[in-house]
Amino acid sequence: MEINTANFIKSVSGTDSILYDGVPQFAFIGRSNSGKSSIINCLTGLKKLAITSSFPGRTQKINVFLINNSFYFIDLPGYGYAKVPVKLKGKLRSMVNWYFFDSEIKQDIIFVIIDANVGMTKDDLELLDALEHYKKNVIIIANKIDKIKKSEYEEKMNNLKSSFKIIPFSAKKKIGVEEVLSNLF
């Protein structure tokens, strides 16, 4: 698969007709600063399509991007550590839970982004358990593999083994792009 066009459509914070229009959706979720927006930029070849930041908690709405005029990339707020007020954290969590579990919106694939150098956290495992319970189609993207020391790479990848497909990825070095894109359709 090749991405030829990618456009930001809108940000939403709840029920919106765009989420129910029947266009296939590929959702990106992960801990704050795991690289969700960077991965979307890497996959599309556009450096500033999704806004990136070193500030944890930058994405605070559901961002919708139209790809090849035929499907959406959905960039969701991160979970876990974020420099935002507790009340906003709760609101973001509720929005993400609504999108995945309460809205009846069909996600074709949910890409759960983890920082490969950090590994799975309690928050990652809780999300994966919930997604599995709801029988969602999940692929884990182990991002930032370029930050792992060569001597630690094999051990860290083995520690990530789970019941889900895992794609080693580096947005910085564009490793794993073709594998992610080959899973879209």
N, C-alpha and C. Protein backbone atom coordinates (compact mmCIF):
# COMPACT_ATOMS: atom_id res chain seq x y z
N MET A 1 0.85 -1.18 0.00
CA MET A 1 0.00 0.00 0.00
C MET A 1 0.89 1.23 0.00
N GLU A 2 0.48 2.21 -0.74
CA GLU A 2 1.19 3.48 -0.80
C GLU A 2 0.23 4.60 -0.44
N ILE A 3 0.69 5.53 0.38
CA ILE A 3 -0.13 6.68 0.72
C ILE A 3 0.24 7.82 -0.21
N ASN A 4 -0.77 8.30 -0.95
CA ASN A 4 -0.56 9.38 -1.92
C ASN A 4 -1.09 10.72 -1.42
N THR A 5 -2.17 10.68 -0.64
CA THR A 5 -2.73 11.92 -0.09
C THR A 5 -3.09 11.73 1.37
N ALA A 6 -2.92 12.77 2.14
CA ALA A 6 -3.27 12.75 3.55
C ALA A 6 -3.65 14.17 3.95
N ASN A 7 -4.85 14.30 4.52
CA ASN A 7 -5.34 15.61 4.91
C ASN A 7 -5.98 15.56 6.29
N PHE A 8 -5.66 16.57 7.10
CA PHE A 8 -6.35 16.73 8.37
C PHE A 8 -7.77 17.17 8.05
N ILE A 9 -8.76 16.48 8.62
CA ILE A 9 -10.16 16.83 8.39
C ILE A 9 -10.71 17.65 9.54
N LYS A 10 -10.63 17.10 10.76
CA LYS A 10 -11.15 17.84 11.91
C LYS A 10 -10.77 17.15 13.20
N SER A 11 -10.94 17.88 14.30
CA SER A 11 -10.81 17.34 15.65
C SER A 11 -12.20 17.28 16.25
N VAL A 12 -12.50 16.18 16.91
CA VAL A 12 -13.80 16.03 17.56
C VAL A 12 -13.57 15.57 19.00
N SER A 13 -14.55 15.83 19.85
CA SER A 13 -14.42 15.42 21.24
C SER A 13 -15.57 14.52 21.69
N GLY A 14 -16.30 14.01 20.72
CA GLY A 14 -17.41 13.12 21.04
C GLY A 14 -18.18 12.82 19.77
N THR A 15 -19.46 12.56 19.94
CA THR A 15 -20.30 12.19 18.82
C THR A 15 -20.18 13.20 17.69
N ASP A 16 -19.87 12.71 16.51
CA ASP A 16 -19.77 13.55 15.31
C ASP A 16 -20.07 12.65 14.12
N SER A 17 -20.80 13.17 13.16
CA SER A 17 -21.22 12.36 12.00
C SER A 17 -20.04 11.77 11.24
N ILE A 18 -18.89 12.43 11.26
CA ILE A 18 -17.73 11.91 10.52
C ILE A 18 -17.30 10.53 11.03
N LEU A 19 -17.49 10.29 12.31
CA LEU A 19 -17.09 9.02 12.88
C LEU A 19 -18.04 7.87 12.52
N TYR A 20 -19.21 8.23 11.99
CA TYR A 20 -20.23 7.25 11.65
C TYR A 20 -20.50 7.19 10.15
N ASP A 21 -19.62 7.76 9.33
CA ASP A 21 -19.92 7.88 7.89
C ASP A 21 -19.56 6.65 7.07
N GLY A 22 -19.11 5.56 7.72
CA GLY A 22 -18.82 4.32 7.02
C GLY A 22 -17.44 4.23 6.41
N VAL A 23 -16.64 5.29 6.51
CA VAL A 23 -15.27 5.27 5.99
C VAL A 23 -14.42 4.43 6.95
N PRO A 24 -13.62 3.48 6.43
CA PRO A 24 -12.78 2.66 7.31
C PRO A 24 -11.89 3.51 8.22
N GLN A 25 -11.75 3.06 9.48
CA GLN A 25 -10.97 3.80 10.47
C GLN A 25 -9.84 2.94 11.03
N PHE A 26 -8.65 3.53 11.05
CA PHE A 26 -7.48 2.92 11.65
C PHE A 26 -7.05 3.83 12.79
N ALA A 27 -7.23 3.36 14.02
CA ALA A 27 -7.00 4.20 15.20
C ALA A 27 -5.60 3.98 15.77
N PHE A 28 -5.02 5.07 16.27
CA PHE A 28 -3.69 5.05 16.89
C PHE A 28 -3.83 5.53 18.33
N ILE A 29 -3.45 4.66 19.26
CA ILE A 29 -3.56 4.97 20.69
C ILE A 29 -2.29 4.48 21.38
N GLY A 30 -1.89 5.14 22.44
CA GLY A 30 -0.72 4.73 23.21
C GLY A 30 -0.49 5.70 24.35
N ARG A 31 0.51 5.39 25.17
CA ARG A 31 0.85 6.29 26.27
C ARG A 31 1.24 7.66 25.72
N SER A 32 1.13 8.65 26.54
CA SER A 32 1.58 9.98 26.18
C SER A 32 3.05 9.91 25.78
N ASN A 33 3.39 10.55 24.68
CA ASN A 33 4.75 10.62 24.14
C ASN A 33 5.30 9.27 23.66
N SER A 34 4.42 8.35 23.29
CA SER A 34 4.88 7.08 22.72
C SER A 34 5.16 7.21 21.23
N GLY A 35 4.70 8.33 20.64
CA GLY A 35 5.00 8.58 19.23
C GLY A 35 3.84 8.38 18.27
N LYS A 36 2.61 8.47 18.76
CA LYS A 36 1.44 8.27 17.90
C LYS A 36 1.43 9.23 16.72
N SER A 37 1.55 10.50 16.99
CA SER A 37 1.51 11.50 15.91
C SER A 37 2.73 11.37 15.00
N SER A 38 3.88 11.06 15.56
CA SER A 38 5.09 10.87 14.74
C SER A 38 4.92 9.69 13.79
N ILE A 39 4.28 8.63 14.25
CA ILE A 39 4.04 7.47 13.40
C ILE A 39 3.10 7.85 12.26
N ILE A 40 2.05 8.57 12.54
CA ILE A 40 1.13 9.01 11.47
C ILE A 40 1.89 9.85 10.45
N ASN A 41 2.72 10.76 10.92
CA ASN A 41 3.52 11.59 10.00
C ASN A 41 4.47 10.73 9.18
N CYS A 42 5.09 9.76 9.80
CA CYS A 42 6.02 8.87 9.11
C CYS A 42 5.30 8.04 8.05
N LEU A 43 4.15 7.48 8.39
CA LEU A 43 3.40 6.65 7.45
C LEU A 43 2.93 7.44 6.24
N THR A 44 2.57 8.72 6.46
CA THR A 44 2.05 9.55 5.36
C THR A 44 3.15 10.27 4.60
N GLY A 45 4.35 10.34 5.19
CA GLY A 45 5.44 11.08 4.57
C GLY A 45 5.32 12.58 4.73
N LEU A 46 4.44 13.02 5.63
CA LEU A 46 4.23 14.45 5.87
C LEU A 46 4.67 14.78 7.30
N LYS A 47 5.71 15.58 7.44
CA LYS A 47 6.29 15.85 8.75
C LYS A 47 5.38 16.60 9.70
N LYS A 48 4.46 17.39 9.18
CA LYS A 48 3.65 18.22 10.07
C LYS A 48 2.15 17.98 9.91
N LEU A 49 1.77 16.79 9.45
CA LEU A 49 0.34 16.48 9.33
C LEU A 49 -0.29 16.40 10.72
N ALA A 50 0.24 15.54 11.57
CA ALA A 50 -0.22 15.43 12.95
C ALA A 50 0.76 16.23 13.81
N ILE A 51 0.23 17.02 14.71
CA ILE A 51 1.08 17.87 15.55
C ILE A 51 1.78 17.01 16.59
N THR A 52 3.11 17.14 16.65
CA THR A 52 3.91 16.42 17.63
C THR A 52 4.42 17.41 18.67
N SER A 53 4.78 16.86 19.83
CA SER A 53 5.27 17.71 20.89
C SER A 53 6.04 16.87 21.90
N SER A 54 7.00 17.46 22.55
CA SER A 54 7.68 16.76 23.64
C SER A 54 6.87 16.91 24.93
N PHE A 55 5.82 17.70 24.87
CA PHE A 55 4.92 17.95 26.01
C PHE A 55 3.92 16.80 26.11
N PRO A 56 3.98 15.97 27.16
CA PRO A 56 3.04 14.86 27.29
C PRO A 56 1.60 15.36 27.40
N GLY A 57 0.71 14.81 26.61
CA GLY A 57 -0.69 15.19 26.66
C GLY A 57 -1.09 16.23 25.64
N ARG A 58 -0.30 16.42 24.60
CA ARG A 58 -0.58 17.44 23.57
C ARG A 58 -1.89 17.16 22.83
N THR A 59 -2.11 15.91 22.43
CA THR A 59 -3.34 15.55 21.73
C THR A 59 -4.47 15.43 22.74
N GLN A 60 -5.49 16.30 22.59
CA GLN A 60 -6.57 16.32 23.57
C GLN A 60 -7.95 16.11 22.94
N LYS A 61 -7.96 15.77 21.66
CA LYS A 61 -9.21 15.47 20.96
C LYS A 61 -8.97 14.29 20.05
N ILE A 62 -10.03 13.81 19.42
CA ILE A 62 -9.92 12.76 18.42
C ILE A 62 -9.66 13.46 17.10
N ASN A 63 -8.45 13.27 16.56
CA ASN A 63 -8.05 13.93 15.32
C ASN A 63 -8.26 12.97 14.15
N VAL A 64 -8.95 13.47 13.12
CA VAL A 64 -9.33 12.65 11.97
C VAL A 64 -8.55 13.11 10.74
N PHE A 65 -7.86 12.17 10.11
CA PHE A 65 -7.09 12.43 8.90
C PHE A 65 -7.63 11.55 7.78
N LEU A 66 -7.93 12.14 6.62
CA LEU A 66 -8.38 11.37 5.46
C LEU A 66 -7.17 10.96 4.64
N ILE A 67 -7.03 9.66 4.43
CA ILE A 67 -5.88 9.10 3.74
C ILE A 67 -6.33 8.53 2.39
N ASN A 68 -5.64 8.93 1.32
CA ASN A 68 -5.94 8.46 -0.04
C ASN A 68 -7.42 8.60 -0.41
N ASN A 69 -8.08 9.58 0.19
CA ASN A 69 -9.50 9.82 -0.05
C ASN A 69 -10.35 8.57 0.15
N SER A 70 -9.86 7.62 0.98
CA SER A 70 -10.61 6.38 1.12
C SER A 70 -10.68 5.81 2.55
N PHE A 71 -9.85 6.28 3.47
CA PHE A 71 -9.92 5.79 4.85
C PHE A 71 -9.35 6.84 5.79
N TYR A 72 -9.65 6.65 7.08
CA TYR A 72 -9.20 7.59 8.10
C TYR A 72 -8.10 7.00 8.96
N PHE A 73 -7.13 7.84 9.33
CA PHE A 73 -6.26 7.60 10.46
C PHE A 73 -6.88 8.41 11.59
N ILE A 74 -7.06 7.79 12.74
CA ILE A 74 -7.63 8.44 13.91
C ILE A 74 -6.53 8.54 14.97
N ASP A 75 -6.14 9.76 15.30
CA ASP A 75 -5.10 10.02 16.30
C ASP A 75 -5.81 10.35 17.61
N LEU A 76 -5.62 9.48 18.60
CA LEU A 76 -6.32 9.63 19.88
C LEU A 76 -5.40 10.18 20.96
N PRO A 77 -5.99 10.80 21.99
CA PRO A 77 -5.17 11.27 23.11
C PRO A 77 -4.44 10.11 23.77
N GLY A 78 -3.27 10.40 24.31
CA GLY A 78 -2.49 9.39 25.00
C GLY A 78 -3.04 9.12 26.40
N TYR A 79 -2.56 8.07 27.00
CA TYR A 79 -2.96 7.73 28.37
C TYR A 79 -1.70 7.62 29.21
N GLY A 80 -1.89 7.51 30.51
CA GLY A 80 -0.75 7.42 31.42
C GLY A 80 -0.26 8.81 31.76
N TYR A 81 1.03 8.97 31.81
CA TYR A 81 1.64 10.24 32.21
C TYR A 81 1.33 11.34 31.20
N ALA A 82 0.77 12.44 31.68
CA ALA A 82 0.54 13.62 30.85
C ALA A 82 0.54 14.84 31.77
N LYS A 83 1.08 15.93 31.28
CA LYS A 83 1.13 17.16 32.08
C LYS A 83 -0.16 17.95 31.86
N VAL A 84 -1.26 17.38 32.32
CA VAL A 84 -2.56 18.05 32.23
C VAL A 84 -3.26 17.87 33.58
N PRO A 85 -4.22 18.76 33.87
CA PRO A 85 -4.96 18.63 35.13
C PRO A 85 -5.69 17.28 35.23
N VAL A 86 -5.87 16.81 36.46
CA VAL A 86 -6.51 15.52 36.72
C VAL A 86 -7.90 15.46 36.08
N LYS A 87 -8.66 16.54 36.16
CA LYS A 87 -10.01 16.57 35.59
C LYS A 87 -9.96 16.35 34.07
N LEU A 88 -8.98 16.96 33.40
CA LEU A 88 -8.84 16.79 31.95
C LEU A 88 -8.42 15.36 31.63
N LYS A 89 -7.54 14.78 32.45
CA LYS A 89 -7.15 13.37 32.25
C LYS A 89 -8.38 12.47 32.24
N GLY A 90 -9.27 12.70 33.20
CA GLY A 90 -10.49 11.90 33.29
C GLY A 90 -11.37 12.10 32.07
N LYS A 91 -11.46 13.32 31.60
CA LYS A 91 -12.27 13.62 30.41
C LYS A 91 -11.68 12.92 29.17
N LEU A 92 -10.35 12.96 29.02
CA LEU A 92 -9.70 12.31 27.89
C LEU A 92 -9.90 10.79 27.94
N ARG A 93 -9.78 10.23 29.12
CA ARG A 93 -9.99 8.79 29.28
C ARG A 93 -11.43 8.41 28.90
N SER A 94 -12.37 9.21 29.35
CA SER A 94 -13.78 8.95 29.03
C SER A 94 -14.02 9.02 27.52
N MET A 95 -13.39 10.00 26.85
CA MET A 95 -13.55 10.15 25.41
C MET A 95 -13.00 8.94 24.67
N VAL A 96 -11.83 8.47 25.07
CA VAL A 96 -11.22 7.30 24.43
C VAL A 96 -12.07 6.06 24.69
N ASN A 97 -12.52 5.86 25.93
CA ASN A 97 -13.38 4.72 26.24
C ASN A 97 -14.67 4.76 25.43
N TRP A 98 -15.26 5.94 25.30
CA TRP A 98 -16.46 6.09 24.49
C TRP A 98 -16.19 5.66 23.04
N TYR A 99 -15.09 6.16 22.48
CA TYR A 99 -14.76 5.87 21.08
C TYR A 99 -14.59 4.36 20.86
N PHE A 100 -13.89 3.68 21.74
CA PHE A 100 -13.62 2.25 21.56
C PHE A 100 -14.78 1.34 21.98
N PHE A 101 -15.43 1.67 23.09
CA PHE A 101 -16.32 0.70 23.72
C PHE A 101 -17.80 1.07 23.75
N ASP A 102 -18.14 2.34 23.75
CA ASP A 102 -19.53 2.73 23.93
C ASP A 102 -20.21 3.30 22.68
N SER A 103 -19.46 3.70 21.70
CA SER A 103 -20.00 4.47 20.57
C SER A 103 -20.55 3.63 19.42
N GLU A 104 -20.21 2.36 19.37
CA GLU A 104 -20.56 1.48 18.25
C GLU A 104 -19.85 1.89 16.95
N ILE A 105 -18.78 2.67 17.07
CA ILE A 105 -17.95 3.00 15.92
C ILE A 105 -17.06 1.80 15.65
N LYS A 106 -16.95 1.42 14.38
CA LYS A 106 -16.11 0.28 14.01
C LYS A 106 -14.71 0.77 13.66
N GLN A 107 -13.72 0.27 14.40
CA GLN A 107 -12.33 0.52 14.06
C GLN A 107 -11.85 -0.71 13.29
N ASP A 108 -11.31 -0.51 12.10
CA ASP A 108 -10.83 -1.65 11.32
C ASP A 108 -9.61 -2.28 11.98
N ILE A 109 -8.70 -1.45 12.44
CA ILE A 109 -7.55 -1.90 13.22
C ILE A 109 -7.27 -0.82 14.27
N ILE A 110 -6.92 -1.26 15.45
CA ILE A 110 -6.44 -0.35 16.48
C ILE A 110 -4.95 -0.63 16.64
N PHE A 111 -4.15 0.37 16.33
CA PHE A 111 -2.71 0.28 16.52
C PHE A 111 -2.38 0.82 17.91
N VAL A 112 -1.93 -0.05 18.79
CA VAL A 112 -1.52 0.36 20.13
C VAL A 112 -0.02 0.61 20.07
N ILE A 113 0.35 1.86 20.33
CA ILE A 113 1.75 2.28 20.25
C ILE A 113 2.39 2.16 21.63
N ILE A 114 3.49 1.43 21.69
CA ILE A 114 4.25 1.38 22.93
C ILE A 114 5.67 1.85 22.64
N ASP A 115 6.31 2.37 23.65
CA ASP A 115 7.71 2.74 23.55
C ASP A 115 8.52 1.46 23.78
N ALA A 116 9.15 0.97 22.73
CA ALA A 116 9.86 -0.31 22.80
C ALA A 116 10.98 -0.30 23.83
N ASN A 117 11.56 0.85 24.07
CA ASN A 117 12.65 0.96 25.04
C ASN A 117 12.11 0.84 26.47
N VAL A 118 10.92 1.35 26.70
CA VAL A 118 10.29 1.29 28.03
C VAL A 118 9.64 -0.08 28.23
N GLY A 119 9.02 -0.61 27.18
CA GLY A 119 8.30 -1.88 27.29
C GLY A 119 6.86 -1.67 27.70
N MET A 120 6.16 -2.76 27.93
CA MET A 120 4.75 -2.71 28.32
C MET A 120 4.63 -2.18 29.74
N THR A 121 3.69 -1.28 29.92
CA THR A 121 3.41 -0.77 31.25
C THR A 121 2.06 -1.32 31.71
N LYS A 122 1.73 -1.07 32.95
CA LYS A 122 0.44 -1.47 33.50
C LYS A 122 -0.69 -0.85 32.67
N ASP A 123 -0.54 0.41 32.28
CA ASP A 123 -1.56 1.09 31.47
C ASP A 123 -1.73 0.41 30.11
N ASP A 124 -0.61 0.03 29.48
CA ASP A 124 -0.69 -0.67 28.19
C ASP A 124 -1.44 -1.99 28.35
N LEU A 125 -1.10 -2.74 29.37
CA LEU A 125 -1.73 -4.05 29.59
C LEU A 125 -3.21 -3.92 29.88
N GLU A 126 -3.60 -2.91 30.65
CA GLU A 126 -5.03 -2.68 30.93
C GLU A 126 -5.79 -2.38 29.65
N LEU A 127 -5.22 -1.51 28.80
CA LEU A 127 -5.88 -1.18 27.54
C LEU A 127 -5.98 -2.43 26.66
N LEU A 128 -4.90 -3.18 26.53
CA LEU A 128 -4.91 -4.37 25.69
C LEU A 128 -5.92 -5.40 26.19
N ASP A 129 -6.04 -5.55 27.51
CA ASP A 129 -7.04 -6.47 28.07
C ASP A 129 -8.45 -6.03 27.68
N ALA A 130 -8.73 -4.74 27.80
CA ALA A 130 -10.06 -4.23 27.45
C ALA A 130 -10.34 -4.41 25.96
N LEU A 131 -9.36 -4.10 25.11
CA LEU A 131 -9.55 -4.26 23.67
C LEU A 131 -9.78 -5.72 23.31
N GLU A 132 -9.06 -6.61 23.97
CA GLU A 132 -9.24 -8.04 23.72
C GLU A 132 -10.63 -8.49 24.18
N HIS A 133 -11.06 -7.99 25.34
CA HIS A 133 -12.39 -8.33 25.86
C HIS A 133 -13.49 -7.94 24.86
N TYR A 134 -13.31 -6.79 24.22
CA TYR A 134 -14.30 -6.31 23.24
C TYR A 134 -14.03 -6.84 21.83
N LYS A 135 -13.10 -7.78 21.74
CA LYS A 135 -12.78 -8.45 20.47
C LYS A 135 -12.39 -7.47 19.35
N LYS A 136 -11.57 -6.50 19.71
CA LYS A 136 -11.08 -5.51 18.74
C LYS A 136 -9.88 -6.09 17.99
N ASN A 137 -9.71 -5.66 16.76
CA ASN A 137 -8.57 -6.06 15.93
C ASN A 137 -7.39 -5.15 16.28
N VAL A 138 -6.39 -5.70 16.95
CA VAL A 138 -5.30 -4.91 17.52
C VAL A 138 -3.95 -5.36 16.94
N ILE A 139 -3.13 -4.37 16.61
CA ILE A 139 -1.73 -4.60 16.28
C ILE A 139 -0.91 -3.66 17.15
N ILE A 140 0.12 -4.20 17.78
CA ILE A 140 1.00 -3.38 18.61
C ILE A 140 2.16 -2.88 17.74
N ILE A 141 2.40 -1.58 17.80
CA ILE A 141 3.57 -1.00 17.16
C ILE A 141 4.57 -0.66 18.27
N ALA A 142 5.69 -1.35 18.25
CA ALA A 142 6.75 -1.11 19.23
C ALA A 142 7.65 -0.02 18.65
N ASN A 143 7.34 1.23 18.99
CA ASN A 143 8.02 2.39 18.44
C ASN A 143 9.33 2.69 19.18
N LYS A 144 10.15 3.46 18.54
CA LYS A 144 11.42 3.95 19.10
C LYS A 144 12.45 2.83 19.25
N ILE A 145 12.41 1.85 18.35
CA ILE A 145 13.41 0.77 18.45
C ILE A 145 14.81 1.29 18.19
N ASP A 146 14.92 2.45 17.54
CA ASP A 146 16.23 3.05 17.28
C ASP A 146 16.91 3.50 18.57
N LYS A 147 16.16 3.62 19.66
CA LYS A 147 16.72 4.07 20.94
C LYS A 147 17.20 2.90 21.80
N ILE A 148 16.96 1.67 21.34
CA ILE A 148 17.38 0.51 22.11
C ILE A 148 18.82 0.17 21.75
N LYS A 149 19.63 -0.08 22.78
CA LYS A 149 21.01 -0.52 22.54
C LYS A 149 20.97 -1.86 21.83
N LYS A 150 21.87 -2.05 20.88
CA LYS A 150 21.91 -3.30 20.11
C LYS A 150 22.02 -4.51 21.03
N SER A 151 22.76 -4.38 22.11
CA SER A 151 22.94 -5.50 23.03
C SER A 151 21.66 -5.85 23.80
N GLU A 152 20.69 -4.92 23.83
CA GLU A 152 19.45 -5.13 24.58
C GLU A 152 18.25 -5.40 23.67
N TYR A 153 18.43 -5.23 22.35
CA TYR A 153 17.30 -5.29 21.42
C TYR A 153 16.54 -6.61 21.49
N GLU A 154 17.24 -7.73 21.35
CA GLU A 154 16.57 -9.03 21.31
C GLU A 154 15.80 -9.29 22.60
N GLU A 155 16.40 -8.99 23.74
CA GLU A 155 15.74 -9.21 25.03
C GLU A 155 14.48 -8.34 25.15
N LYS A 156 14.58 -7.08 24.76
CA LYS A 156 13.41 -6.19 24.87
C LYS A 156 12.30 -6.62 23.93
N MET A 157 12.63 -7.05 22.73
CA MET A 157 11.60 -7.54 21.79
C MET A 157 10.96 -8.82 22.31
N ASN A 158 11.76 -9.72 22.90
CA ASN A 158 11.20 -10.95 23.47
C ASN A 158 10.26 -10.65 24.63
N ASN A 159 10.57 -9.62 25.41
CA ASN A 159 9.73 -9.23 26.54
C ASN A 159 8.38 -8.67 26.09
N LEU A 160 8.30 -8.23 24.85
CA LEU A 160 7.05 -7.65 24.33
C LEU A 160 6.10 -8.71 23.77
N LYS A 161 6.55 -9.93 23.70
CA LYS A 161 5.70 -10.97 23.13
C LYS A 161 4.35 -10.98 23.83
N SER A 162 3.32 -11.06 23.03
CA SER A 162 1.96 -11.11 23.56
C SER A 162 1.10 -11.87 22.57
N SER A 163 -0.19 -11.87 22.83
CA SER A 163 -1.10 -12.58 21.93
C SER A 163 -1.43 -11.72 20.71
N PHE A 164 -0.90 -10.51 20.65
CA PHE A 164 -1.15 -9.61 19.53
C PHE A 164 0.05 -9.58 18.59
N LYS A 165 -0.20 -9.23 17.36
CA LYS A 165 0.89 -9.03 16.40
C LYS A 165 1.69 -7.79 16.84
N ILE A 166 3.01 -7.87 16.79
CA ILE A 166 3.86 -6.75 17.16
C ILE A 166 4.74 -6.38 15.96
N ILE A 167 4.75 -5.08 15.64
CA ILE A 167 5.59 -4.58 14.56
C ILE A 167 6.66 -3.67 15.16
N PRO A 168 7.94 -4.06 15.08
CA PRO A 168 9.02 -3.15 15.51
C PRO A 168 9.03 -1.94 14.58
N PHE A 169 9.19 -0.74 15.15
CA PHE A 169 9.03 0.48 14.36
C PHE A 169 9.98 1.57 14.86
N SER A 170 10.41 2.39 13.92
CA SER A 170 11.13 3.62 14.26
C SER A 170 10.65 4.71 13.32
N ALA A 171 9.90 5.66 13.87
CA ALA A 171 9.45 6.80 13.06
C ALA A 171 10.65 7.60 12.59
N LYS A 172 11.66 7.69 13.45
CA LYS A 172 12.85 8.47 13.13
C LYS A 172 13.61 7.87 11.93
N LYS A 173 13.75 6.55 11.92
CA LYS A 173 14.53 5.88 10.86
C LYS A 173 13.64 5.20 9.80
N LYS A 174 12.33 5.38 9.93
CA LYS A 174 11.36 4.82 8.98
C LYS A 174 11.44 3.29 8.87
N ILE A 175 11.67 2.66 10.00
CA ILE A 175 11.70 1.19 10.06
C ILE A 175 10.30 0.71 10.41
N GLY A 176 9.78 -0.25 9.66
CA GLY A 176 8.47 -0.83 9.94
C GLY A 176 7.33 -0.21 9.17
N VAL A 177 7.61 0.83 8.39
CA VAL A 177 6.55 1.54 7.65
C VAL A 177 5.81 0.59 6.72
N GLU A 178 6.54 -0.14 5.90
CA GLU A 178 5.89 -1.02 4.92
C GLU A 178 5.07 -2.10 5.61
N GLU A 179 5.56 -2.60 6.73
CA GLU A 179 4.81 -3.65 7.45
C GLU A 179 3.49 -3.11 7.99
N VAL A 180 3.52 -1.90 8.56
CA VAL A 180 2.27 -1.31 9.06
C VAL A 180 1.31 -1.09 7.89
N LEU A 181 1.81 -0.48 6.80
CA LEU A 181 0.93 -0.18 5.67
C LEU A 181 0.36 -1.45 5.03
N SER A 182 1.12 -2.53 5.05
CA SER A 182 0.62 -3.78 4.45
C SER A 182 -0.53 -4.38 5.26
N ASN A 183 -0.71 -3.95 6.49
CA ASN A 183 -1.79 -4.46 7.33
C ASN A 183 -3.09 -3.67 7.19
N LEU A 184 -3.07 -2.56 6.45
CA LEU A 184 -4.26 -1.72 6.38
C LEU A 184 -5.41 -2.39 5.65
N PHE A 185 -5.13 -3.04 4.53
CA PHE A 185 -6.22 -3.71 3.78
C PHE A 185 -5.74 -5.03 3.26
